N, C-alpha and C. Protein backbone atom coordinates (compact mmCIF):
# COMPACT_ATOMS: atom_id res chain seq x y z
N MET A 1 64.88 -146.08 12.11
CA MET A 1 63.69 -145.94 12.93
C MET A 1 62.83 -144.80 12.37
N ARG A 2 61.56 -145.09 12.21
CA ARG A 2 60.63 -144.07 11.73
C ARG A 2 59.64 -143.74 12.83
N LEU A 3 59.18 -142.51 12.82
CA LEU A 3 58.21 -142.06 13.82
C LEU A 3 56.80 -142.24 13.29
N ASP A 4 55.92 -142.64 14.16
CA ASP A 4 54.51 -142.81 13.80
C ASP A 4 53.68 -141.66 14.36
N VAL A 5 52.56 -141.41 13.71
CA VAL A 5 51.62 -140.41 14.20
C VAL A 5 51.21 -140.79 15.62
N GLY A 6 51.20 -139.80 16.49
CA GLY A 6 50.80 -140.00 17.88
C GLY A 6 51.96 -140.20 18.84
N THR A 7 53.15 -140.50 18.32
CA THR A 7 54.30 -140.68 19.20
C THR A 7 54.88 -139.31 19.58
N PRO A 8 55.52 -139.22 20.75
CA PRO A 8 56.14 -137.95 21.13
C PRO A 8 57.27 -137.58 20.16
N ALA A 9 57.32 -136.31 19.78
CA ALA A 9 58.39 -135.84 18.91
C ALA A 9 59.69 -135.76 19.72
N PRO A 10 60.79 -136.25 19.16
CA PRO A 10 62.07 -136.15 19.88
C PRO A 10 62.46 -134.69 20.12
N GLU A 11 62.83 -134.40 21.34
CA GLU A 11 63.26 -133.04 21.72
C GLU A 11 64.63 -132.77 21.10
N PHE A 12 64.91 -131.50 20.82
CA PHE A 12 66.22 -131.13 20.31
C PHE A 12 66.50 -129.67 20.63
N SER A 13 67.78 -129.33 20.55
CA SER A 13 68.26 -127.95 20.60
C SER A 13 69.36 -127.84 19.56
N LEU A 14 69.20 -126.93 18.61
CA LEU A 14 70.16 -126.75 17.52
C LEU A 14 70.41 -125.26 17.30
N SER A 15 71.54 -124.94 16.67
CA SER A 15 71.85 -123.56 16.30
C SER A 15 71.10 -123.19 15.04
N ASP A 16 70.59 -121.95 15.03
CA ASP A 16 69.93 -121.47 13.81
C ASP A 16 70.96 -120.73 12.95
N ASP A 17 70.50 -120.11 11.88
CA ASP A 17 71.39 -119.45 10.95
C ASP A 17 72.05 -118.19 11.53
N THR A 18 71.59 -117.74 12.70
CA THR A 18 72.23 -116.60 13.36
C THR A 18 73.15 -117.04 14.49
N GLY A 19 73.18 -118.35 14.77
CA GLY A 19 73.99 -118.88 15.86
C GLY A 19 73.21 -119.02 17.16
N ALA A 20 71.96 -118.56 17.20
CA ALA A 20 71.12 -118.71 18.40
C ALA A 20 70.65 -120.15 18.52
N THR A 21 70.41 -120.59 19.75
CA THR A 21 69.91 -121.94 19.99
C THR A 21 68.39 -121.94 19.93
N VAL A 22 67.85 -122.88 19.16
CA VAL A 22 66.41 -123.08 19.04
C VAL A 22 66.10 -124.50 19.47
N SER A 23 65.10 -124.65 20.33
CA SER A 23 64.70 -125.97 20.83
C SER A 23 63.27 -126.26 20.41
N LEU A 24 62.96 -127.54 20.29
CA LEU A 24 61.57 -127.90 19.99
C LEU A 24 60.65 -127.38 21.09
N SER A 25 61.12 -127.39 22.31
CA SER A 25 60.29 -126.93 23.43
C SER A 25 59.92 -125.44 23.29
N ASP A 26 60.66 -124.68 22.49
CA ASP A 26 60.32 -123.28 22.24
C ASP A 26 58.95 -123.16 21.56
N PHE A 27 58.52 -124.24 20.91
CA PHE A 27 57.26 -124.23 20.16
C PHE A 27 56.13 -124.94 20.90
N ARG A 28 56.38 -125.35 22.14
CA ARG A 28 55.35 -126.06 22.92
C ARG A 28 54.08 -125.22 22.95
N GLY A 29 52.96 -125.84 22.70
CA GLY A 29 51.69 -125.14 22.66
C GLY A 29 51.34 -124.63 21.27
N GLU A 30 52.27 -124.80 20.32
CA GLU A 30 52.04 -124.39 18.93
C GLU A 30 52.24 -125.60 18.02
N ARG A 31 51.67 -125.52 16.84
CA ARG A 31 51.90 -126.55 15.84
C ARG A 31 53.06 -126.09 14.95
N VAL A 32 53.94 -127.03 14.61
CA VAL A 32 55.10 -126.68 13.81
C VAL A 32 55.39 -127.77 12.79
N VAL A 33 55.67 -127.34 11.57
CA VAL A 33 56.14 -128.24 10.52
C VAL A 33 57.66 -128.22 10.54
N LEU A 34 58.27 -129.40 10.74
CA LEU A 34 59.71 -129.56 10.62
C LEU A 34 59.98 -130.23 9.29
N PHE A 35 60.83 -129.63 8.47
CA PHE A 35 61.22 -130.33 7.25
C PHE A 35 62.73 -130.47 7.22
N PHE A 36 63.16 -131.70 6.92
CA PHE A 36 64.57 -132.05 6.86
C PHE A 36 64.98 -132.10 5.39
N TYR A 37 66.05 -131.41 5.05
CA TYR A 37 66.51 -131.36 3.67
C TYR A 37 68.03 -131.58 3.63
N PRO A 38 68.53 -132.12 2.51
CA PRO A 38 69.94 -132.51 2.45
C PRO A 38 70.97 -131.38 2.45
N ARG A 39 70.76 -130.33 1.62
CA ARG A 39 71.81 -129.32 1.52
C ARG A 39 71.27 -128.01 0.97
N ALA A 40 71.62 -126.94 1.64
CA ALA A 40 71.18 -125.60 1.24
C ALA A 40 71.73 -125.23 -0.13
N ASN A 41 70.93 -124.46 -0.84
CA ASN A 41 71.29 -123.90 -2.14
C ASN A 41 71.52 -124.93 -3.23
N THR A 42 70.93 -126.12 -3.09
CA THR A 42 70.90 -127.08 -4.18
C THR A 42 69.52 -126.95 -4.83
N PRO A 43 69.36 -127.38 -6.07
CA PRO A 43 68.08 -127.13 -6.76
C PRO A 43 66.86 -127.67 -6.02
N GLY A 44 66.87 -128.93 -5.58
CA GLY A 44 65.70 -129.49 -4.91
C GLY A 44 65.42 -128.84 -3.58
N CYS A 45 66.46 -128.62 -2.80
CA CYS A 45 66.28 -128.01 -1.48
C CYS A 45 65.82 -126.57 -1.60
N THR A 46 66.33 -125.86 -2.60
CA THR A 46 65.90 -124.48 -2.83
C THR A 46 64.43 -124.46 -3.22
N LYS A 47 64.02 -125.36 -4.09
CA LYS A 47 62.62 -125.43 -4.52
C LYS A 47 61.71 -125.67 -3.31
N GLU A 48 62.08 -126.65 -2.48
CA GLU A 48 61.27 -126.98 -1.32
C GLU A 48 61.19 -125.81 -0.33
N ALA A 49 62.34 -125.21 -0.02
CA ALA A 49 62.36 -124.09 0.93
C ALA A 49 61.56 -122.91 0.41
N CYS A 50 61.70 -122.60 -0.88
CA CYS A 50 60.94 -121.48 -1.46
C CYS A 50 59.45 -121.77 -1.48
N ASP A 51 59.08 -123.03 -1.70
CA ASP A 51 57.66 -123.40 -1.64
C ASP A 51 57.12 -123.20 -0.22
N PHE A 52 57.90 -123.57 0.80
CA PHE A 52 57.46 -123.31 2.18
C PHE A 52 57.39 -121.81 2.43
N ARG A 53 58.36 -121.06 1.93
CA ARG A 53 58.33 -119.59 2.07
C ARG A 53 57.05 -119.02 1.50
N ASP A 54 56.71 -119.47 0.29
CA ASP A 54 55.54 -118.94 -0.39
C ASP A 54 54.22 -119.41 0.22
N SER A 55 54.27 -120.45 1.03
CA SER A 55 53.07 -121.00 1.67
C SER A 55 53.00 -120.66 3.16
N LEU A 56 53.94 -119.86 3.62
CA LEU A 56 53.99 -119.59 5.06
C LEU A 56 52.76 -118.85 5.57
N ALA A 57 52.26 -117.88 4.82
CA ALA A 57 51.09 -117.10 5.28
C ALA A 57 49.88 -117.99 5.55
N PRO A 58 49.47 -118.87 4.60
CA PRO A 58 48.32 -119.72 4.91
C PRO A 58 48.58 -120.69 6.06
N LEU A 59 49.81 -121.15 6.21
CA LEU A 59 50.13 -122.03 7.34
C LEU A 59 50.04 -121.25 8.65
N ASN A 60 50.62 -120.06 8.68
CA ASN A 60 50.56 -119.22 9.89
C ASN A 60 49.13 -118.86 10.25
N GLU A 61 48.27 -118.65 9.24
CA GLU A 61 46.87 -118.30 9.49
C GLU A 61 46.14 -119.38 10.29
N VAL A 62 46.57 -120.64 10.14
CA VAL A 62 45.95 -121.73 10.91
C VAL A 62 46.85 -122.15 12.08
N GLY A 63 47.80 -121.27 12.44
CA GLY A 63 48.61 -121.50 13.63
C GLY A 63 49.75 -122.48 13.47
N ILE A 64 50.25 -122.65 12.26
CA ILE A 64 51.36 -123.58 12.03
C ILE A 64 52.61 -122.80 11.65
N LYS A 65 53.69 -123.05 12.40
CA LYS A 65 55.00 -122.47 12.11
C LYS A 65 55.78 -123.45 11.24
N VAL A 66 56.86 -123.00 10.61
CA VAL A 66 57.70 -123.84 9.76
C VAL A 66 59.15 -123.68 10.21
N VAL A 67 59.88 -124.81 10.26
CA VAL A 67 61.29 -124.83 10.60
C VAL A 67 61.99 -125.82 9.66
N GLY A 68 63.08 -125.39 9.05
CA GLY A 68 63.88 -126.26 8.19
C GLY A 68 65.13 -126.72 8.92
N ILE A 69 65.53 -127.98 8.71
CA ILE A 69 66.72 -128.54 9.37
C ILE A 69 67.58 -129.24 8.32
N SER A 70 68.88 -128.91 8.31
CA SER A 70 69.83 -129.57 7.42
C SER A 70 71.16 -129.73 8.16
N PRO A 71 72.09 -130.49 7.58
CA PRO A 71 73.40 -130.64 8.22
C PRO A 71 74.34 -129.46 7.95
N ASP A 72 73.88 -128.46 7.22
CA ASP A 72 74.73 -127.32 6.87
C ASP A 72 75.13 -126.49 8.09
N ALA A 73 76.30 -125.87 8.00
CA ALA A 73 76.78 -124.96 9.04
C ALA A 73 75.91 -123.71 9.07
N PRO A 74 75.80 -123.05 10.23
CA PRO A 74 74.98 -121.84 10.32
C PRO A 74 75.33 -120.78 9.27
N GLU A 75 76.62 -120.63 8.94
CA GLU A 75 77.03 -119.63 7.95
C GLU A 75 76.42 -119.92 6.58
N LYS A 76 76.37 -121.19 6.21
CA LYS A 76 75.78 -121.56 4.92
C LYS A 76 74.27 -121.32 4.95
N LEU A 77 73.64 -121.56 6.11
CA LEU A 77 72.21 -121.31 6.25
C LEU A 77 71.90 -119.82 6.16
N THR A 78 72.78 -118.98 6.68
CA THR A 78 72.61 -117.53 6.58
C THR A 78 72.57 -117.10 5.12
N LYS A 79 73.48 -117.65 4.33
CA LYS A 79 73.51 -117.34 2.89
C LYS A 79 72.26 -117.86 2.20
N PHE A 80 71.85 -119.06 2.54
CA PHE A 80 70.65 -119.68 1.96
C PHE A 80 69.43 -118.80 2.23
N ARG A 81 69.29 -118.37 3.47
CA ARG A 81 68.16 -117.50 3.85
C ARG A 81 68.20 -116.20 3.05
N ALA A 82 69.37 -115.57 2.97
CA ALA A 82 69.49 -114.29 2.26
C ALA A 82 69.27 -114.45 0.76
N ASP A 83 69.83 -115.50 0.18
CA ASP A 83 69.71 -115.71 -1.27
C ASP A 83 68.26 -115.88 -1.72
N HIS A 84 67.42 -116.43 -0.81
CA HIS A 84 66.05 -116.78 -1.21
C HIS A 84 64.97 -116.14 -0.35
N ASP A 85 65.35 -115.13 0.44
CA ASP A 85 64.40 -114.40 1.29
C ASP A 85 63.54 -115.36 2.12
N LEU A 86 64.17 -116.35 2.73
CA LEU A 86 63.43 -117.33 3.53
C LEU A 86 62.97 -116.68 4.83
N ASN A 87 61.73 -116.95 5.20
CA ASN A 87 61.08 -116.25 6.31
C ASN A 87 60.71 -117.17 7.47
N PHE A 88 61.53 -118.19 7.71
CA PHE A 88 61.32 -119.12 8.82
C PHE A 88 62.70 -119.58 9.28
N PRO A 89 62.79 -120.13 10.50
CA PRO A 89 64.09 -120.56 11.03
C PRO A 89 64.69 -121.72 10.23
N LEU A 90 66.01 -121.64 10.07
CA LEU A 90 66.79 -122.72 9.49
C LEU A 90 67.76 -123.19 10.56
N LEU A 91 67.73 -124.49 10.86
CA LEU A 91 68.55 -125.03 11.93
C LEU A 91 69.64 -125.93 11.38
N SER A 92 70.78 -125.92 12.07
CA SER A 92 71.96 -126.69 11.67
C SER A 92 72.09 -127.94 12.53
N ASP A 93 72.17 -129.11 11.87
CA ASP A 93 72.33 -130.40 12.55
C ASP A 93 73.54 -131.12 11.96
N PRO A 94 74.76 -130.58 12.18
CA PRO A 94 75.94 -131.17 11.55
C PRO A 94 76.25 -132.60 12.01
N SER A 95 75.87 -132.93 13.22
CA SER A 95 76.10 -134.29 13.72
C SER A 95 75.05 -135.28 13.22
N ARG A 96 73.97 -134.73 12.67
CA ARG A 96 72.84 -135.50 12.13
C ARG A 96 72.10 -136.29 13.22
N GLU A 97 72.34 -135.97 14.47
CA GLU A 97 71.69 -136.69 15.58
C GLU A 97 70.19 -136.45 15.60
N VAL A 98 69.75 -135.22 15.34
CA VAL A 98 68.31 -134.94 15.32
C VAL A 98 67.68 -135.65 14.13
N MET A 99 68.36 -135.59 13.00
CA MET A 99 67.86 -136.30 11.81
C MET A 99 67.69 -137.79 12.11
N LYS A 100 68.67 -138.38 12.76
CA LYS A 100 68.59 -139.80 13.11
C LYS A 100 67.42 -140.06 14.06
N ALA A 101 67.21 -139.17 15.02
CA ALA A 101 66.12 -139.34 15.98
C ALA A 101 64.75 -139.32 15.30
N TYR A 102 64.66 -138.58 14.19
CA TYR A 102 63.40 -138.49 13.45
C TYR A 102 63.32 -139.50 12.30
N GLY A 103 64.37 -140.29 12.12
CA GLY A 103 64.39 -141.24 11.00
C GLY A 103 64.64 -140.57 9.67
N ALA A 104 65.23 -139.37 9.70
CA ALA A 104 65.46 -138.59 8.48
C ALA A 104 66.91 -138.67 8.01
N PHE A 105 67.65 -139.65 8.52
CA PHE A 105 69.02 -139.90 8.05
C PHE A 105 69.25 -141.39 8.08
N GLY A 106 69.80 -141.90 7.00
CA GLY A 106 70.08 -143.33 6.93
C GLY A 106 70.22 -143.78 5.49
N GLU A 107 70.00 -145.06 5.27
CA GLU A 107 70.12 -145.60 3.91
C GLU A 107 68.97 -145.13 3.04
N LYS A 108 69.33 -144.78 1.80
CA LYS A 108 68.32 -144.35 0.83
C LYS A 108 68.87 -144.65 -0.56
N LYS A 109 67.98 -144.65 -1.53
CA LYS A 109 68.40 -144.82 -2.91
C LYS A 109 68.68 -143.46 -3.53
N ASN A 110 69.82 -143.37 -4.20
CA ASN A 110 70.20 -142.15 -4.90
C ASN A 110 70.72 -142.55 -6.27
N TYR A 111 69.93 -142.24 -7.29
CA TYR A 111 70.26 -142.64 -8.66
C TYR A 111 70.50 -144.15 -8.76
N GLY A 112 69.64 -144.90 -8.09
CA GLY A 112 69.67 -146.35 -8.17
C GLY A 112 70.66 -147.04 -7.25
N LYS A 113 71.46 -146.28 -6.52
CA LYS A 113 72.43 -146.86 -5.60
C LYS A 113 72.00 -146.61 -4.16
N ILE A 114 72.32 -147.56 -3.29
CA ILE A 114 72.04 -147.38 -1.86
C ILE A 114 73.18 -146.56 -1.26
N VAL A 115 72.82 -145.44 -0.65
CA VAL A 115 73.79 -144.57 0.00
C VAL A 115 73.24 -144.17 1.38
N GLU A 116 74.11 -143.65 2.21
CA GLU A 116 73.66 -143.13 3.50
C GLU A 116 73.61 -141.61 3.38
N GLY A 117 72.50 -141.02 3.79
CA GLY A 117 72.36 -139.58 3.71
C GLY A 117 71.07 -139.09 4.31
N VAL A 118 70.82 -137.81 4.12
CA VAL A 118 69.59 -137.19 4.61
C VAL A 118 68.42 -137.70 3.78
N ILE A 119 67.39 -138.14 4.46
CA ILE A 119 66.16 -138.59 3.82
C ILE A 119 65.19 -137.41 3.91
N ARG A 120 64.89 -136.82 2.75
CA ARG A 120 63.99 -135.65 2.74
C ARG A 120 62.68 -136.06 3.41
N SER A 121 62.36 -135.42 4.53
CA SER A 121 61.21 -135.81 5.35
C SER A 121 60.57 -134.58 5.96
N THR A 122 59.27 -134.69 6.25
CA THR A 122 58.53 -133.59 6.86
C THR A 122 57.61 -134.13 7.94
N PHE A 123 57.52 -133.38 9.04
CA PHE A 123 56.70 -133.77 10.18
C PHE A 123 55.87 -132.59 10.65
N LEU A 124 54.65 -132.87 11.07
CA LEU A 124 53.87 -131.89 11.80
C LEU A 124 53.96 -132.29 13.26
N ILE A 125 54.42 -131.36 14.08
CA ILE A 125 54.43 -131.57 15.53
C ILE A 125 53.23 -130.81 16.08
N GLU A 126 52.35 -131.53 16.74
CA GLU A 126 51.15 -130.92 17.29
C GLU A 126 51.50 -130.10 18.53
N ALA A 127 50.56 -129.29 18.99
CA ALA A 127 50.78 -128.41 20.14
C ALA A 127 51.15 -129.18 21.40
N ASP A 128 50.72 -130.45 21.50
CA ASP A 128 51.05 -131.26 22.68
C ASP A 128 52.39 -131.98 22.55
N GLY A 129 53.13 -131.72 21.45
CA GLY A 129 54.45 -132.32 21.27
C GLY A 129 54.45 -133.69 20.61
N ARG A 130 53.30 -134.11 20.11
CA ARG A 130 53.22 -135.40 19.43
C ARG A 130 53.25 -135.23 17.92
N ILE A 131 53.68 -136.29 17.24
CA ILE A 131 53.72 -136.28 15.78
C ILE A 131 52.29 -136.32 15.25
N GLY A 132 51.95 -135.36 14.40
CA GLY A 132 50.63 -135.32 13.78
C GLY A 132 50.65 -135.75 12.33
N LEU A 133 51.84 -135.72 11.71
CA LEU A 133 52.01 -136.13 10.33
C LEU A 133 53.48 -136.48 10.15
N ALA A 134 53.76 -137.58 9.47
CA ALA A 134 55.14 -138.01 9.20
C ALA A 134 55.23 -138.45 7.75
N LEU A 135 56.00 -137.71 6.96
CA LEU A 135 56.18 -138.01 5.54
C LEU A 135 57.67 -138.23 5.27
N TYR A 136 58.00 -139.42 4.77
CA TYR A 136 59.39 -139.78 4.48
C TYR A 136 59.61 -139.93 2.98
N ASN A 137 60.86 -139.75 2.56
CA ASN A 137 61.26 -139.93 1.16
C ASN A 137 60.41 -139.10 0.21
N VAL A 138 60.19 -137.85 0.56
CA VAL A 138 59.36 -137.00 -0.27
C VAL A 138 60.19 -136.38 -1.39
N ARG A 139 59.53 -136.00 -2.45
CA ARG A 139 60.18 -135.27 -3.55
C ARG A 139 60.04 -133.78 -3.27
N ALA A 140 61.04 -133.03 -3.65
CA ALA A 140 61.00 -131.58 -3.41
C ALA A 140 59.85 -130.92 -4.17
N THR A 141 59.71 -131.26 -5.43
CA THR A 141 58.68 -130.64 -6.25
C THR A 141 57.30 -131.19 -5.89
N GLY A 142 56.39 -130.30 -5.57
CA GLY A 142 55.02 -130.68 -5.23
C GLY A 142 54.82 -131.10 -3.79
N HIS A 143 55.91 -131.17 -3.03
CA HIS A 143 55.81 -131.65 -1.66
C HIS A 143 55.02 -130.70 -0.76
N VAL A 144 55.29 -129.41 -0.86
CA VAL A 144 54.61 -128.46 0.02
C VAL A 144 53.11 -128.45 -0.28
N ALA A 145 52.74 -128.54 -1.55
CA ALA A 145 51.31 -128.62 -1.90
C ALA A 145 50.68 -129.85 -1.24
N ARG A 146 51.40 -130.96 -1.20
CA ARG A 146 50.89 -132.17 -0.54
C ARG A 146 50.73 -131.93 0.96
N VAL A 147 51.70 -131.28 1.58
CA VAL A 147 51.62 -130.99 3.02
C VAL A 147 50.37 -130.13 3.29
N LEU A 148 50.18 -129.11 2.47
CA LEU A 148 49.01 -128.25 2.65
C LEU A 148 47.71 -129.05 2.54
N ARG A 149 47.64 -129.94 1.55
CA ARG A 149 46.44 -130.79 1.39
C ARG A 149 46.26 -131.68 2.61
N GLU A 150 47.32 -132.33 3.04
CA GLU A 150 47.26 -133.24 4.20
C GLU A 150 46.78 -132.52 5.47
N LEU A 151 47.18 -131.25 5.58
CA LEU A 151 46.81 -130.47 6.77
C LEU A 151 45.52 -129.69 6.59
N GLY A 152 44.92 -129.79 5.40
CA GLY A 152 43.66 -129.09 5.14
C GLY A 152 43.80 -127.60 5.07
N VAL A 153 44.96 -127.13 4.59
CA VAL A 153 45.23 -125.70 4.50
C VAL A 153 45.06 -125.24 3.06
N SER A 154 44.29 -124.17 2.86
CA SER A 154 44.11 -123.59 1.52
C SER A 154 45.28 -122.69 1.19
N SER A 155 45.80 -122.84 -0.02
CA SER A 155 46.96 -122.01 -0.40
C SER A 155 46.56 -120.74 -1.11
């Protein structure tokens, strides 16, 4: 199942890298970019997270927060944040239920084979809780620049 622009964003509550619970409702009234990535400290995921880190100031200037979600345990996310000086919340979805609700987990091609896994995806959740942008099967390299263009944000 994929989400379309204008549909309500699925609510969630997940543990962050410190063990605190973060819910989508915590961001109600704000715009937030959620990006789903397969695994912390892998080359593609590191590239994507660091690109969001480096683009956080221009996003924040237009009122957009950033949150990363992966199936990694909070302890692994703590290391990921520290290793790369990440400056936004990282949430743990080990059951992959939130990923499934957003259509960011399921069948995908990996080196020409069909496998089940995390589908690298990014969403803009508008201040009213609706999907403002839904990007599926994105590549790590160049993805954040595309998000910035789609949102009309200067880097």
